[in-house]
């Protein structure tokens, strides 16, 4: 999709959502008002903003398609999705557009001004590759990252969705960030999560993180938020 197509697509989805899901319509309108005065050329220059917009459009289209299915059809379709993807569409995505997002105004400004950057993107991609090699699955979303303190939603092949945050912050500061992370997950009613603080200078830490994530996907109890340091 080209930048010039973003605004009309948002308006089209707003129209569909108005009779299907007012919460989604409100969130899409909020996004549309935020970017409607931006020239397509300027929009194209902002990589992460474009990525976010394309992602929201895709998710909104998917959600609206689900809404028109019968209950039986919807359940059959959801059963075909991986656990993290199903968890996103069935729980976190609708929760995001139906509830107040206290962080939205902050990261909207950072995306638009170009301040945002994904410092740990390569690490997360490497972890994702290793998880898939081991028959696990995951989903990544800008909204989950920005608003829900979740770099990835992960599941082992026999596990359940687990929200994961990975950071290279030192132990001296990780406790404060961990407490903020835990509060964020609780605010969104996310019942399981792990916070991993790593030292990039240590060898094999990626494999350690993958082992940790997959194990806790299968074994971590509800209402548990664990912190690990490598």
Protein backbone atom coordinates (compact mmCIF):
# COMPACT_ATOMS: atom_id res chain seq x y z
CA UNK A 1 0.00 0.00 0.00
CA UNK A 2 1.28 3.46 -0.93
CA UNK A 3 1.24 6.38 1.50
CA UNK A 4 -1.38 8.18 -0.62
CA UNK A 5 -3.76 5.26 0.00
CA UNK A 6 -3.52 5.35 3.81
CA UNK A 7 -6.00 8.14 4.56
CA UNK A 8 -8.79 6.91 2.23
CA UNK A 9 -8.33 3.37 3.53
CA UNK A 10 -8.70 4.51 7.11
CA UNK A 11 -11.89 6.39 6.19
CA UNK A 12 -13.23 3.31 4.41
CA UNK A 13 -12.59 1.12 7.45
CA UNK A 14 -14.14 3.74 9.74
CA UNK A 15 -17.30 3.56 7.66
CA UNK A 16 -17.47 -0.22 7.91
CA UNK A 17 -16.68 -0.22 11.62
CA UNK A 18 -19.39 2.35 12.37
CA UNK A 19 -22.07 -0.33 12.03
CA UNK A 20 -19.99 -3.25 13.25
CA UNK A 21 -17.74 -2.10 16.10
CA UNK A 22 -17.96 1.53 17.34
CA UNK A 23 -14.84 1.10 19.48
CA UNK A 24 -12.76 0.30 16.42
CA UNK A 25 -14.34 3.18 14.51
CA UNK A 26 -13.34 5.60 17.30
CA UNK A 27 -9.74 4.39 17.36
CA UNK A 28 -9.40 4.52 13.57
CA UNK A 29 -10.83 8.03 13.52
CA UNK A 30 -8.33 9.04 16.19
CA UNK A 31 -5.50 7.73 14.00
CA UNK A 32 -6.96 9.32 10.86
CA UNK A 33 -7.18 12.77 12.51
CA UNK A 34 -3.60 12.36 13.67
CA UNK A 35 -2.13 11.81 10.18
CA UNK A 36 -4.67 13.36 7.77
CA UNK A 37 -2.68 16.59 7.33
CA UNK A 38 0.58 14.81 6.53
CA UNK A 39 1.70 14.80 2.91
CA UNK A 40 2.22 11.31 1.42
CA UNK A 41 5.88 12.11 0.68
CA UNK A 42 6.52 13.00 4.32
CA UNK A 43 4.63 9.93 5.49
CA UNK A 44 6.79 7.68 3.34
CA UNK A 45 9.91 9.07 4.98
CA UNK A 46 8.76 7.93 8.41
CA UNK A 47 9.45 4.20 8.35
CA UNK A 48 8.06 3.27 11.75
CA UNK A 49 4.97 5.44 11.39
CA UNK A 50 4.18 3.78 8.06
CA UNK A 51 4.80 0.38 9.60
CA UNK A 52 2.36 1.14 12.39
CA UNK A 53 -0.34 2.44 10.03
CA UNK A 54 -0.08 -0.55 7.70
CA UNK A 55 -0.21 -2.91 10.67
CA UNK A 56 -3.34 -1.26 12.13
CA UNK A 57 -5.07 -1.30 8.75
CA UNK A 58 -4.30 -5.00 8.33
CA UNK A 59 -5.52 -5.81 11.84
CA UNK A 60 -8.68 -3.74 11.41
CA UNK A 61 -9.50 -5.48 8.12
CA UNK A 62 -8.95 -8.87 9.73
CA UNK A 63 -11.06 -7.97 12.77
CA UNK A 64 -13.95 -6.67 10.69
CA UNK A 65 -13.86 -9.81 8.56
CA UNK A 66 -14.12 -11.89 11.74
CA UNK A 67 -17.08 -9.85 12.99
CA UNK A 68 -19.30 -10.75 10.04
CA UNK A 69 -18.81 -14.50 10.52
CA UNK A 70 -21.24 -16.62 12.49
CA UNK A 71 -20.07 -17.77 15.92
CA UNK A 72 -19.40 -21.24 14.55
CA UNK A 73 -17.48 -19.92 11.54
CA UNK A 74 -15.46 -17.54 13.71
CA UNK A 75 -14.48 -20.27 16.17
CA UNK A 76 -13.49 -22.59 13.33
CA UNK A 77 -11.32 -19.89 11.79
CA UNK A 78 -9.70 -18.86 15.09
CA UNK A 79 -8.81 -22.48 15.77
CA UNK A 80 -6.58 -22.41 12.69
CA UNK A 81 -4.45 -19.55 14.01
CA UNK A 82 -1.34 -19.94 16.13
CA UNK A 83 -1.96 -19.29 19.86
CA UNK A 84 -0.17 -15.88 19.89
CA UNK A 85 -2.04 -14.64 16.80
CA UNK A 86 -5.37 -15.82 18.18
CA UNK A 87 -4.61 -14.16 21.52
CA UNK A 88 -3.85 -10.91 19.73
CA UNK A 89 -7.05 -10.81 17.70
CA UNK A 90 -9.35 -12.33 20.28
CA UNK A 91 -8.12 -10.43 23.32
CA UNK A 92 -5.43 -7.75 23.09
CA UNK A 93 -6.32 -5.97 19.84
CA UNK A 94 -10.01 -5.41 20.72
CA UNK A 95 -8.98 -4.50 24.26
CA UNK A 96 -6.70 -1.80 22.86
CA UNK A 97 -9.31 -0.07 20.73
CA UNK A 98 -12.13 -0.44 23.26
CA UNK A 99 -10.25 0.88 26.29
CA UNK A 100 -8.28 3.99 27.12
CA UNK A 101 -4.61 3.78 26.14
CA UNK A 102 -2.73 6.07 28.52
CA UNK A 103 0.48 5.81 26.49
CA UNK A 104 -1.03 6.45 23.06
CA UNK A 105 -0.54 10.22 23.04
CA UNK A 106 3.13 9.79 23.99
CA UNK A 107 4.17 7.34 21.32
CA UNK A 108 2.03 9.01 18.65
CA UNK A 109 4.19 12.09 19.06
CA UNK A 110 7.41 10.06 18.91
CA UNK A 111 6.32 8.21 15.77
CA UNK A 112 5.28 11.37 14.01
CA UNK A 113 8.42 13.30 14.96
CA UNK A 114 10.67 10.39 14.00
CA UNK A 115 12.08 10.01 17.52
CA UNK A 116 11.19 6.34 17.81
CA UNK A 117 13.74 3.67 16.99
CA UNK A 118 13.79 -0.06 17.65
CA UNK A 119 17.12 -0.54 19.37
CA UNK A 120 16.54 -4.23 20.06
CA UNK A 121 14.94 -5.05 16.69
CA UNK A 122 17.78 -7.27 15.45
CA UNK A 123 17.87 -9.17 18.72
CA UNK A 124 14.11 -9.73 18.71
CA UNK A 125 14.29 -10.94 15.10
CA UNK A 126 17.04 -13.40 16.03
CA UNK A 127 15.04 -14.69 19.00
CA UNK A 128 11.99 -15.03 16.72
CA UNK A 129 13.94 -17.09 14.20
CA UNK A 130 15.16 -19.50 16.88
CA UNK A 131 11.67 -19.83 18.36
CA UNK A 132 10.25 -20.77 14.96
CA UNK A 133 13.07 -23.28 14.36
CA UNK A 134 11.98 -24.95 17.59
CA UNK A 135 8.36 -25.11 16.39
CA UNK A 136 7.21 -22.25 18.55
CA UNK A 137 5.20 -19.29 17.28
CA UNK A 138 5.04 -15.60 18.00
CA UNK A 139 3.45 -12.33 16.98
CA UNK A 140 4.88 -8.81 17.18
CA UNK A 141 2.86 -5.61 17.05
CA UNK A 142 3.74 -1.94 17.43
CA UNK A 143 0.75 -1.48 19.75
CA UNK A 144 1.89 -4.33 22.00
CA UNK A 145 5.39 -2.86 22.10
CA UNK A 146 4.38 0.77 22.68
CA UNK A 147 1.36 0.41 24.95
CA UNK A 148 1.60 -3.05 26.53
CA UNK A 149 5.36 -3.34 27.22
CA UNK A 150 5.49 -6.47 25.08
CA UNK A 151 8.18 -7.07 22.48
CA UNK A 152 6.58 -10.34 21.40
CA UNK A 153 3.73 -12.68 22.28
CA UNK A 154 5.22 -16.16 22.21
CA UNK A 155 4.03 -19.74 22.49
CA UNK A 156 5.88 -23.04 22.50
CA UNK A 157 4.37 -25.77 20.32
CA UNK A 158 2.39 -27.07 23.30
CA UNK A 159 2.25 -23.92 25.37
CA UNK A 160 0.06 -20.86 25.79
CA UNK A 161 0.60 -17.23 24.75
CA UNK A 162 3.16 -15.46 26.89
CA UNK A 163 4.00 -11.73 26.78
CA UNK A 164 7.75 -11.12 26.67
CA UNK A 165 9.80 -7.96 27.20
CA UNK A 166 13.54 -8.02 26.45
CA UNK A 167 15.90 -5.23 27.48
CA UNK A 168 19.65 -4.67 27.67
CA UNK A 169 19.32 -2.30 30.62
CA UNK A 170 21.73 -2.95 33.49
CA UNK A 171 20.65 -4.52 36.79
CA UNK A 172 21.03 -1.15 38.50
CA UNK A 173 18.04 0.18 36.57
CA UNK A 174 16.16 -2.97 35.56
CA UNK A 175 14.19 -3.26 38.82
CA UNK A 176 12.42 0.05 38.26
CA UNK A 177 11.70 -0.81 34.65
CA UNK A 178 10.47 -4.26 35.73
CA UNK A 179 7.98 -2.70 38.17
CA UNK A 180 6.68 -0.37 35.45
CA UNK A 181 6.41 -3.32 33.04
CA UNK A 182 4.48 -5.41 35.56
CA UNK A 183 2.05 -2.57 36.25
CA UNK A 184 1.45 -2.12 32.52
CA UNK A 185 0.63 -5.81 32.04
CA UNK A 186 -1.75 -5.76 34.98
CA UNK A 187 -3.45 -2.61 33.64
CA UNK A 188 -4.19 -4.49 30.40
CA UNK A 189 -5.28 -7.63 32.28
CA UNK A 190 -2.42 -9.61 30.77
CA UNK A 191 -2.07 -12.52 33.19
CA UNK A 192 1.34 -13.96 32.31
CA UNK A 193 4.60 -12.36 31.29
CA UNK A 194 8.37 -12.47 31.61
CA UNK A 195 10.83 -9.58 31.69
CA UNK A 196 14.33 -10.46 30.50
CA UNK A 197 17.30 -8.18 31.20
CA UNK A 198 20.36 -9.34 29.30
CA UNK A 199 24.06 -8.55 28.94
CA UNK A 200 24.84 -8.48 25.20
CA UNK A 201 28.47 -9.20 25.97
CA UNK A 202 27.72 -12.69 27.20
CA UNK A 203 27.84 -15.56 24.74
CA UNK A 204 24.81 -17.75 24.05
CA UNK A 205 22.41 -15.36 25.76
CA UNK A 206 20.01 -15.59 22.80
CA UNK A 207 19.68 -19.35 23.24
CA UNK A 208 19.17 -18.82 26.96
CA UNK A 209 16.37 -16.33 26.29
CA UNK A 210 14.68 -18.71 23.83
CA UNK A 211 14.87 -21.60 26.31
CA UNK A 212 13.42 -19.39 29.02
CA UNK A 213 10.57 -18.10 26.87
CA UNK A 214 9.51 -21.50 25.57
CA UNK A 215 9.69 -23.11 29.01
CA UNK A 216 7.54 -20.42 30.62
CA UNK A 217 5.02 -20.51 27.80
CA UNK A 218 4.30 -24.08 28.84
CA UNK A 219 4.72 -23.82 32.60
CA UNK A 220 4.19 -20.30 33.97
CA UNK A 221 1.06 -20.03 36.10
CA UNK A 222 -1.62 -17.37 35.74
CA UNK A 223 -1.06 -13.97 37.38
CA UNK A 224 2.72 -14.41 37.30
CA UNK A 225 5.18 -11.77 36.11
CA UNK A 226 8.76 -12.96 36.34
CA UNK A 227 12.04 -11.11 35.91
CA UNK A 228 15.24 -12.79 34.68
CA UNK A 229 18.74 -11.40 34.20
CA UNK A 230 21.56 -12.83 32.08
